[in-house]
C-alpha atoms as a PDB file:
ATOM      1  CA  UNK A   1      11.817  96.453 -15.610  1.00  0.00           C
ATOM      2  CA  UNK A   2      12.181  92.589 -15.387  1.00  0.00           C
ATOM      3  CA  UNK A   3       8.594  92.087 -15.718  1.00  0.00           C
ATOM      4  CA  UNK A   4       8.315  94.551 -18.871  1.00  0.00           C
ATOM      5  CA  UNK A   5      11.222  92.702 -20.367  1.00  0.00           C
ATOM      6  CA  UNK A   6       9.758  89.197 -19.911  1.00  0.00           C
ATOM      7  CA  UNK A   7       6.628  90.421 -21.378  1.00  0.00           C
ATOM      8  CA  UNK A   8       8.199  92.183 -24.220  1.00  0.00           C
ATOM      9  CA  UNK A   9       9.923  88.963 -25.091  1.00  0.00           C
ATOM     10  CA  UNK A  10       6.617  87.078 -25.133  1.00  0.00           C
ATOM     11  CA  UNK A  11       5.428  89.650 -27.446  1.00  0.00           C
ATOM     12  CA  UNK A  12       8.386  89.244 -29.622  1.00  0.00           C
ATOM     13  CA  UNK A  13       8.014  85.539 -29.722  1.00  0.00           C
ATOM     14  CA  UNK A  14       4.488  85.764 -30.470  1.00  0.00           C
ATOM     15  CA  UNK A  15       5.082  87.940 -33.528  1.00  0.00           C
ATOM     16  CA  UNK A  16       7.893  85.805 -34.820  1.00  0.00           C
ATOM     17  CA  UNK A  17       5.860  82.841 -34.297  1.00  0.00           C
ATOM     18  CA  UNK A  18       3.028  84.083 -36.917  1.00  0.00           C
ATOM     19  CA  UNK A  19       5.670  85.516 -39.341  1.00  0.00           C
ATOM     20  CA  UNK A  20       8.907  83.381 -39.087  1.00  0.00           C
ATOM     21  CA  UNK A  21       8.562  80.141 -37.011  1.00  0.00           C
ATOM     22  CA  UNK A  22       5.864  78.456 -38.680  1.00  0.00           C
ATOM     23  CA  UNK A  23       2.740  79.561 -36.915  1.00  0.00           C
ATOM     24  CA  UNK A  24       2.415  76.932 -34.069  1.00  0.00           C
ATOM     25  CA  UNK A  25      -0.362  78.858 -32.474  1.00  0.00           C
ATOM     26  CA  UNK A  26       1.776  80.039 -29.597  1.00  0.00           C
ATOM     27  CA  UNK A  27       0.638  83.446 -30.656  1.00  0.00           C
ATOM     28  CA  UNK A  28      -2.954  83.027 -29.921  1.00  0.00           C
ATOM     29  CA  UNK A  29      -4.537  84.797 -27.017  1.00  0.00           C
ATOM     30  CA  UNK A  30      -5.544  81.268 -25.338  1.00  0.00           C
ATOM     31  CA  UNK A  31      -1.716  80.542 -25.035  1.00  0.00           C
ATOM     32  CA  UNK A  32      -0.426  84.050 -24.397  1.00  0.00           C
ATOM     33  CA  UNK A  33      -3.096  84.800 -21.892  1.00  0.00           C
ATOM     34  CA  UNK A  34      -2.145  82.285 -19.275  1.00  0.00           C
ATOM     35  CA  UNK A  35       1.708  82.979 -19.899  1.00  0.00           C
ATOM     36  CA  UNK A  36       1.091  86.577 -19.227  1.00  0.00           C
ATOM     37  CA  UNK A  37      -1.071  85.688 -16.142  1.00  0.00           C
ATOM     38  CA  UNK A  38       1.961  83.654 -15.019  1.00  0.00           C
ATOM     39  CA  UNK A  39       4.401  86.490 -15.282  1.00  0.00           C
ATOM     40  CA  UNK A  40       2.035  89.098 -13.914  1.00  0.00           C
ATOM     41  CA  UNK A  41       1.148  86.813 -10.692  1.00  0.00           C
ATOM     42  CA  UNK A  42      -2.379  85.811 -11.684  1.00  0.00           C
ATOM     43  CA  UNK A  43      -2.459  82.742 -13.690  1.00  0.00           C
ATOM     44  CA  UNK A  44      -6.172  82.208 -13.240  1.00  0.00           C
ATOM     45  CA  UNK A  45      -6.987  85.782 -14.646  1.00  0.00           C
ATOM     46  CA  UNK A  46      -4.626  85.212 -17.484  1.00  0.00           C
ATOM     47  CA  UNK A  47      -6.688  82.039 -18.451  1.00  0.00           C
ATOM     48  CA  UNK A  48      -9.986  83.821 -18.207  1.00  0.00           C
ATOM     49  CA  UNK A  49      -9.023  86.808 -20.223  1.00  0.00           C
ATOM     50  CA  UNK A  50      -6.969  84.503 -22.730  1.00  0.00           C
ATOM     51  CA  UNK A  51      -9.874  82.570 -23.334  1.00  0.00           C
ATOM     52  CA  UNK A  52     -12.242  85.400 -23.589  1.00  0.00           C
ATOM     53  CA  UNK A  53      -9.995  87.188 -26.315  1.00  0.00           C
ATOM     54  CA  UNK A  54      -9.502  83.858 -28.349  1.00  0.00           C
ATOM     55  CA  UNK A  55     -13.280  83.574 -28.713  1.00  0.00           C
ATOM     56  CA  UNK A  56     -13.380  86.980 -30.015  1.00  0.00           C
ATOM     57  CA  UNK A  57     -10.525  86.731 -32.532  1.00  0.00           C
ATOM     58  CA  UNK A  58     -10.744  82.862 -33.328  1.00  0.00           C
ATOM     59  CA  UNK A  59     -11.917  83.864 -36.820  1.00  0.00           C
ATOM     60  CA  UNK A  60      -8.905  86.380 -37.500  1.00  0.00           C
ATOM     61  CA  UNK A  61      -6.079  84.551 -39.548  1.00  0.00           C
ATOM     62  CA  UNK A  62      -3.495  86.517 -41.538  1.00  0.00           C
ATOM     63  CA  UNK A  63      -3.486  84.915 -45.186  1.00  0.00           C
ATOM     64  CA  UNK A  64      -0.942  85.848 -47.698  1.00  0.00           C
ATOM     65  CA  UNK A  65      -0.180  89.583 -47.645  1.00  0.00           C
ATOM     66  CA  UNK A  66      -3.282  90.430 -45.539  1.00  0.00           C
ATOM     67  CA  UNK A  67      -2.310  92.062 -42.313  1.00  0.00           C
ATOM     68  CA  UNK A  68      -4.963  91.421 -39.616  1.00  0.00           C
ATOM     69  CA  UNK A  69      -5.222  93.181 -36.272  1.00  0.00           C
ATOM     70  CA  UNK A  70      -2.071  92.580 -34.182  1.00  0.00           C
ATOM     71  CA  UNK A  71      -3.841  89.933 -31.642  1.00  0.00           C
ATOM     72  CA  UNK A  72      -0.516  89.323 -30.018  1.00  0.00           C
ATOM     73  CA  UNK A  73       0.052  92.771 -28.579  1.00  0.00           C
ATOM     74  CA  UNK A  74      -3.681  93.402 -28.202  1.00  0.00           C
ATOM     75  CA  UNK A  75      -3.830  90.258 -26.276  1.00  0.00           C
ATOM     76  CA  UNK A  76      -0.852  90.536 -24.137  1.00  0.00           C
ATOM     77  CA  UNK A  77      -1.451  93.979 -23.117  1.00  0.00           C
ATOM     78  CA  UNK A  78      -5.153  93.564 -22.594  1.00  0.00           C
ATOM     79  CA  UNK A  79      -4.494  90.551 -20.108  1.00  0.00           C
ATOM     80  CA  UNK A  80      -1.742  92.612 -18.503  1.00  0.00           C
ATOM     81  CA  UNK A  81      -3.914  95.481 -17.897  1.00  0.00           C
ATOM     82  CA  UNK A  82      -6.724  93.501 -16.628  1.00  0.00           C
ATOM     83  CA  UNK A  83      -4.472  92.012 -14.166  1.00  0.00           C
ATOM     84  CA  UNK A  84      -2.861  95.270 -13.208  1.00  0.00           C
ATOM     85  CA  UNK A  85      -5.954  97.269 -12.513  1.00  0.00           C
ATOM     86  CA  UNK A  86      -7.895  94.139 -11.109  1.00  0.00           C
ATOM     87  CA  UNK A  87     -10.944  94.862 -13.165  1.00  0.00           C
ATOM     88  CA  UNK A  88     -11.228  91.514 -15.181  1.00  0.00           C
ATOM     89  CA  UNK A  89     -12.100  90.824 -18.775  1.00  0.00           C
ATOM     90  CA  UNK A  90     -14.370  93.729 -19.450  1.00  0.00           C
ATOM     91  CA  UNK A  91     -11.162  96.014 -19.262  1.00  0.00           C
ATOM     92  CA  UNK A  92      -9.276  93.699 -21.440  1.00  0.00           C
ATOM     93  CA  UNK A  93     -11.775  93.736 -24.073  1.00  0.00           C
ATOM     94  CA  UNK A  94     -11.915  97.763 -23.757  1.00  0.00           C
ATOM     95  CA  UNK A  95      -8.321  97.887 -24.180  1.00  0.00           C
ATOM     96  CA  UNK A  96      -7.153  94.806 -26.151  1.00  0.00           C
ATOM     97  CA  UNK A  97      -9.317  95.601 -29.376  1.00  0.00           C
ATOM     98  CA  UNK A  98      -8.139  99.148 -29.826  1.00  0.00           C
ATOM     99  CA  UNK A  99      -4.539  98.094 -29.092  1.00  0.00           C
ATOM    100  CA  UNK A 100      -4.718  95.312 -31.693  1.00  0.00           C
ATOM    101  CA  UNK A 101      -5.939  97.719 -34.341  1.00  0.00           C
ATOM    102  CA  UNK A 102      -3.240 100.218 -33.616  1.00  0.00           C
ATOM    103  CA  UNK A 103      -0.682  97.753 -33.382  1.00  0.00           C
ATOM    104  CA  UNK A 104      -1.735  96.457 -36.956  1.00  0.00           C
ATOM    105  CA  UNK A 105      -0.421  99.795 -38.215  1.00  0.00           C
ATOM    106  CA  UNK A 106       3.187  99.103 -36.833  1.00  0.00           C
ATOM    107  CA  UNK A 107       3.093  95.627 -38.543  1.00  0.00           C
ATOM    108  CA  UNK A 108       2.188  97.253 -41.859  1.00  0.00           C
ATOM    109  CA  UNK A 109       5.036  99.530 -41.058  1.00  0.00           C
ATOM    110  CA  UNK A 110       7.583  96.645 -40.779  1.00  0.00           C
ATOM    111  CA  UNK A 111       6.484  94.881 -43.772  1.00  0.00           C
ATOM    112  CA  UNK A 112       6.848  98.088 -45.762  1.00  0.00           C
ATOM    113  CA  UNK A 113      10.591  98.466 -44.456  1.00  0.00           C
ATOM    114  CA  UNK A 114      11.135  94.630 -44.991  1.00  0.00           C
ATOM    115  CA  UNK A 115      10.007  94.928 -48.527  1.00  0.00           C
ATOM    116  CA  UNK A 116      13.090  96.397 -50.229  1.00  0.00           C
ATOM    117  CA  UNK A 117      15.315  93.851 -48.227  1.00  0.00           C
ATOM    118  CA  UNK A 118      13.635  91.101 -50.428  1.00  0.00           C
ATOM    119  CA  UNK A 119      14.699  92.898 -53.636  1.00  0.00           C
ATOM    120  CA  UNK A 120      18.192  93.427 -52.064  1.00  0.00           C
ATOM    121  CA  UNK A 121      18.368  89.749 -51.304  1.00  0.00           C
ATOM    122  CA  UNK A 122      17.175  88.602 -54.781  1.00  0.00           C
ATOM    123  CA  UNK A 123      20.352  90.576 -56.438  1.00  0.00           C
ATOM    124  CA  UNK A 124      22.799  89.281 -53.814  1.00  0.00           C
ATOM    125  CA  UNK A 125      21.525  85.781 -54.560  1.00  0.00           C
ATOM    126  CA  UNK A 126      21.557  86.398 -58.215  1.00  0.00           C
ATOM    127  CA  UNK A 127      25.375  87.547 -57.856  1.00  0.00           C
ATOM    128  CA  UNK A 128      26.032  84.219 -55.462  1.00  0.00           C
ATOM    129  CA  UNK A 129      26.544  86.288 -52.427  1.00  0.00           C
ATOM    130  CA  UNK A 130      24.496  83.935 -49.923  1.00  0.00           C
ATOM    131  CA  UNK A 131      26.228  85.585 -46.817  1.00  0.00           C
ATOM    132  CA  UNK A 132      24.470  88.836 -47.758  1.00  0.00           C
ATOM    133  CA  UNK A 133      21.165  86.977 -48.335  1.00  0.00           C
ATOM    134  CA  UNK A 134      21.307  85.537 -45.034  1.00  0.00           C
ATOM    135  CA  UNK A 135      22.331  88.788 -43.179  1.00  0.00           C
ATOM    136  CA  UNK A 136      19.300  90.562 -44.930  1.00  0.00           C
ATOM    137  CA  UNK A 137      17.072  87.553 -43.764  1.00  0.00           C
ATOM    138  CA  UNK A 138      18.125  87.944 -39.881  1.00  0.00           C
ATOM    139  CA  UNK A 139      17.655  91.636 -40.495  1.00  0.00           C
ATOM    140  CA  UNK A 140      14.046  91.410 -41.387  1.00  0.00           C
ATOM    141  CA  UNK A 141      13.717  88.960 -38.589  1.00  0.00           C
ATOM    142  CA  UNK A 142      15.041  91.305 -36.327  1.00  0.00           C
ATOM    143  CA  UNK A 143      12.657  94.298 -37.306  1.00  0.00           C
ATOM    144  CA  UNK A 144       9.733  91.694 -36.654  1.00  0.00           C
ATOM    145  CA  UNK A 145      11.263  90.946 -33.279  1.00  0.00           C
ATOM    146  CA  UNK A 146      11.233  94.767 -32.679  1.00  0.00           C
ATOM    147  CA  UNK A 147       7.618  94.865 -33.695  1.00  0.00           C
ATOM    148  CA  UNK A 148       6.529  92.543 -30.884  1.00  0.00           C
ATOM    149  CA  UNK A 149       8.966  93.441 -28.140  1.00  0.00           C
ATOM    150  CA  UNK A 150       8.681  97.378 -28.273  1.00  0.00           C
ATOM    151  CA  UNK A 151       4.963  97.783 -27.854  1.00  0.00           C
ATOM    152  CA  UNK A 152       4.517  95.074 -24.972  1.00  0.00           C
ATOM    153  CA  UNK A 153       7.760  96.200 -23.302  1.00  0.00           C
ATOM    154  CA  UNK A 154       6.551  99.891 -23.310  1.00  0.00           C
ATOM    155  CA  UNK A 155       3.121  99.100 -22.486  1.00  0.00           C
ATOM    156  CA  UNK A 156       3.997  97.309 -19.367  1.00  0.00           C
ATOM    157  CA  UNK A 157       6.670  99.965 -18.453  1.00  0.00           C
ATOM    158  CA  UNK A 158       4.021 102.683 -18.368  1.00  0.00           C
ATOM    159  CA  UNK A 159       2.552 101.094 -15.461  1.00  0.00           C
ATOM    160  CA  UNK A 160      -0.923 100.821 -14.121  1.00  0.00           C
ATOM    161  CA  UNK A 161      -1.442 104.538 -13.038  1.00  0.00           C
ATOM    162  CA  UNK A 162      -1.466 105.702 -16.799  1.00  0.00           C
ATOM    163  CA  UNK A 163      -3.942 102.661 -17.610  1.00  0.00           C
ATOM    164  CA  UNK A 164      -6.171 103.602 -14.722  1.00  0.00           C
ATOM    165  CA  UNK A 165      -6.313 107.247 -15.980  1.00  0.00           C
ATOM    166  CA  UNK A 166      -7.190 105.808 -19.374  1.00  0.00           C
ATOM    167  CA  UNK A 167      -9.742 103.584 -17.820  1.00  0.00           C
ATOM    168  CA  UNK A 168     -11.299 106.466 -15.891  1.00  0.00           C
ATOM    169  CA  UNK A 169     -11.292 108.568 -19.021  1.00  0.00           C
ATOM    170  CA  UNK A 170     -13.483 105.889 -20.795  1.00  0.00           C
ATOM    171  CA  UNK A 171     -17.046 106.735 -20.039  1.00  0.00           C
ATOM    172  CA  UNK A 172     -19.028 104.162 -17.904  1.00  0.00           C
ATOM    173  CA  UNK A 173     -21.392 103.507 -20.590  1.00  0.00           C
ATOM    174  CA  UNK A 174     -18.847 102.086 -22.895  1.00  0.00           C
ATOM    175  CA  UNK A 175     -17.261  99.842 -20.107  1.00  0.00           C
ATOM    176  CA  UNK A 176     -20.534  98.684 -19.219  1.00  0.00           C
ATOM    177  CA  UNK A 177     -21.579  97.919 -22.829  1.00  0.00           C
ATOM    178  CA  UNK A 178     -18.353  96.143 -23.456  1.00  0.00           C
ATOM    179  CA  UNK A 179     -19.017  94.087 -20.361  1.00  0.00           C
ATOM    180  CA  UNK A 180     -22.403  93.301 -21.568  1.00  0.00           C
ATOM    181  CA  UNK A 181     -21.041  92.693 -25.061  1.00  0.00           C
ATOM    182  CA  UNK A 182     -18.517  89.954 -23.585  1.00  0.00           C
ATOM    183  CA  UNK A 183     -21.175  87.313 -23.812  1.00  0.00           C
ATOM    184  CA  UNK A 184     -21.785  88.246 -27.505  1.00  0.00           C
ATOM    185  CA  UNK A 185     -18.288  88.452 -28.681  1.00  0.00           C
ATOM    186  CA  UNK A 186     -17.610  84.942 -28.556  1.00  0.00           C
ATOM    187  CA  UNK A 187     -20.718  84.144 -30.701  1.00  0.00           C
ATOM    188  CA  UNK A 188     -19.190  86.943 -33.220  1.00  0.00           C
ATOM    189  CA  UNK A 189     -15.950  84.865 -33.047  1.00  0.00           C
ATOM    190  CA  UNK A 190     -17.808  81.598 -33.839  1.00  0.00           C
ATOM    191  CA  UNK A 191     -19.628  83.128 -36.720  1.00  0.00           C
ATOM    192  CA  UNK A 192     -16.317  84.641 -38.377  1.00  0.00           C
ATOM    193  CA  UNK A 193     -14.747  81.113 -37.977  1.00  0.00           C
ATOM    194  CA  UNK A 194     -17.821  79.360 -39.501  1.00  0.00           C
ATOM    195  CA  UNK A 195     -18.033  81.863 -42.382  1.00  0.00           C
ATOM    196  CA  UNK A 196     -14.468  80.505 -43.290  1.00  0.00           C
ATOM    197  CA  UNK A 197     -15.117  76.689 -42.726  1.00  0.00           C
ATOM    198  CA  UNK A 198     -18.905  76.131 -42.674  1.00  0.00           C
ATOM    199  CA  UNK A 199     -20.348  73.753 -45.307  1.00  0.00           C
ATOM    200  CA  UNK A 200     -23.268  71.741 -46.343  1.00  0.00           C
ATOM    201  CA  UNK A 201     -21.167  68.436 -45.569  1.00  0.00           C
ATOM    202  CA  UNK A 202     -20.237  69.853 -42.209  1.00  0.00           C
ATOM    203  CA  UNK A 203     -23.541  71.285 -41.263  1.00  0.00           C
ATOM    204  CA  UNK A 204     -25.125  68.169 -39.573  1.00  0.00           C
ATOM    205  CA  UNK A 205     -22.203  67.826 -37.026  1.00  0.00           C
ATOM    206  CA  UNK A 206     -22.396  71.307 -36.172  1.00  0.00           C
ATOM    207  CA  UNK A 207     -26.364  70.977 -35.393  1.00  0.00           C
ATOM    208  CA  UNK A 208     -25.370  67.439 -33.774  1.00  0.00           C
ATOM    209  CA  UNK A 209     -22.923  69.344 -31.138  1.00  0.00           C
ATOM    210  CA  UNK A 210     -25.641  72.000 -30.724  1.00  0.00           C
ATOM    211  CA  UNK A 211     -28.290  69.603 -29.685  1.00  0.00           C
ATOM    212  CA  UNK A 212     -25.806  67.628 -27.556  1.00  0.00           C
ATOM    213  CA  UNK A 213     -24.578  70.863 -25.528  1.00  0.00           C
ATOM    214  CA  UNK A 214     -28.015  72.666 -25.389  1.00  0.00           C
ATOM    215  CA  UNK A 215     -30.749  70.150 -25.088  1.00  0.00           C
ATOM    216  CA  UNK A 216     -28.898  67.219 -23.716  1.00  0.00           C
ATOM    217  CA  UNK A 217     -26.606  69.454 -21.339  1.00  0.00           C
ATOM    218  CA  UNK A 218     -23.241  67.573 -22.220  1.00  0.00           C
ATOM    219  CA  UNK A 219     -20.169  69.486 -21.082  1.00  0.00           C
ATOM    220  CA  UNK A 220     -17.549  70.194 -23.762  1.00  0.00           C
ATOM    221  CA  UNK A 221     -15.414  67.030 -23.065  1.00  0.00           C
ATOM    222  CA  UNK A 222     -18.122  64.617 -23.880  1.00  0.00           C
ATOM    223  CA  UNK A 223     -19.214  66.610 -27.004  1.00  0.00           C
ATOM    224  CA  UNK A 224     -15.410  66.588 -28.237  1.00  0.00           C
ATOM    225  CA  UNK A 225     -15.168  62.917 -27.481  1.00  0.00           C
ATOM    226  CA  UNK A 226     -18.096  62.221 -29.501  1.00  0.00           C
ATOM    227  CA  UNK A 227     -16.958  64.259 -32.273  1.00  0.00           C
ATOM    228  CA  UNK A 228     -13.551  62.377 -32.046  1.00  0.00           C
ATOM    229  CA  UNK A 229     -15.424  59.120 -32.374  1.00  0.00           C
ATOM    230  CA  UNK A 230     -17.365  60.249 -35.301  1.00  0.00           C
ATOM    231  CA  UNK A 231     -14.255  61.533 -37.161  1.00  0.00           C
ATOM    232  CA  UNK A 232     -12.396  58.208 -36.399  1.00  0.00           C
ATOM    233  CA  UNK A 233     -15.197  56.117 -37.917  1.00  0.00           C
ATOM    234  CA  UNK A 234     -15.639  58.544 -40.856  1.00  0.00           C
ATOM    235  CA  UNK A 235     -11.870  58.133 -41.384  1.00  0.00           C
ATOM    236  CA  UNK A 236     -11.949  54.739 -41.312  1.00  0.00           C
ATOM    237  CA  UNK A 237     -14.816  54.218 -43.882  1.00  0.00           C
ATOM    238  CA  UNK A 238     -13.078  56.591 -46.008  1.00  0.00           C
ATOM    239  CA  UNK A 239      -9.854  54.504 -46.138  1.00  0.00           C
ATOM    240  CA  UNK A 240     -12.096  51.323 -46.586  1.00  0.00           C
ATOM    241  CA  UNK A 241     -13.894  52.959 -49.533  1.00  0.00           C
ATOM    242  CA  UNK A 242     -10.687  54.094 -51.289  1.00  0.00           C
ATOM    243  CA  UNK A 243      -9.221  50.604 -50.639  1.00  0.00           C
ATOM    244  CA  UNK A 244     -12.330  48.921 -52.326  1.00  0.00           C
ATOM    245  CA  UNK A 245     -12.013  51.373 -55.209  1.00  0.00           C
ATOM    246  CA  UNK A 246      -8.409  50.602 -55.927  1.00  0.00           C
END
């Protein structure tokens, strides 16, 4: 029960981070995975699964009124089930993706419930009743809290027995296919991210990083250091050009 409660609180904090607390990226699988692993007693597996799911979902961002798949609930339960069953990232992928899509519906329901509260708050604000405005604000926050807490809490409370039954029900060809696709999903995540950020101006730096990593065999840290140096030099040049223009 304690473990389920802590995981539920992590889910609630993740949802609140993305909705209320300014989106510090605490909600991302790369952060949630290790925390879940720490609670579940397998920190290393939490890092592995969290990093795998982050690569899959790195291009998913909620913009405006759009409601993307719930990567918080999917990431938390996918990581937890991978640890509970001892199966690894393949099981996490097999379960996290459909869980995220199902939890997306719950997020849409909460937004539907919260929408009338906004109009009520507007009426209270017009009449100068700011205490009621604050109360409605915190009521909306509470609904988002439940949105994160309940599915994560119940998902852990169900236990590994039900999860094992679900995994046994999934055909081997599906789990094997997801295991093989695990190497492809990171590329898909990068492609989704590049679709939003890629430009002709940035293309040379992307291909430079590719050459450094693939042909010269540099690890991620040296490539990141080179990228930081280039960014610093470009920033300094931009500042000097702006200074000369003024």
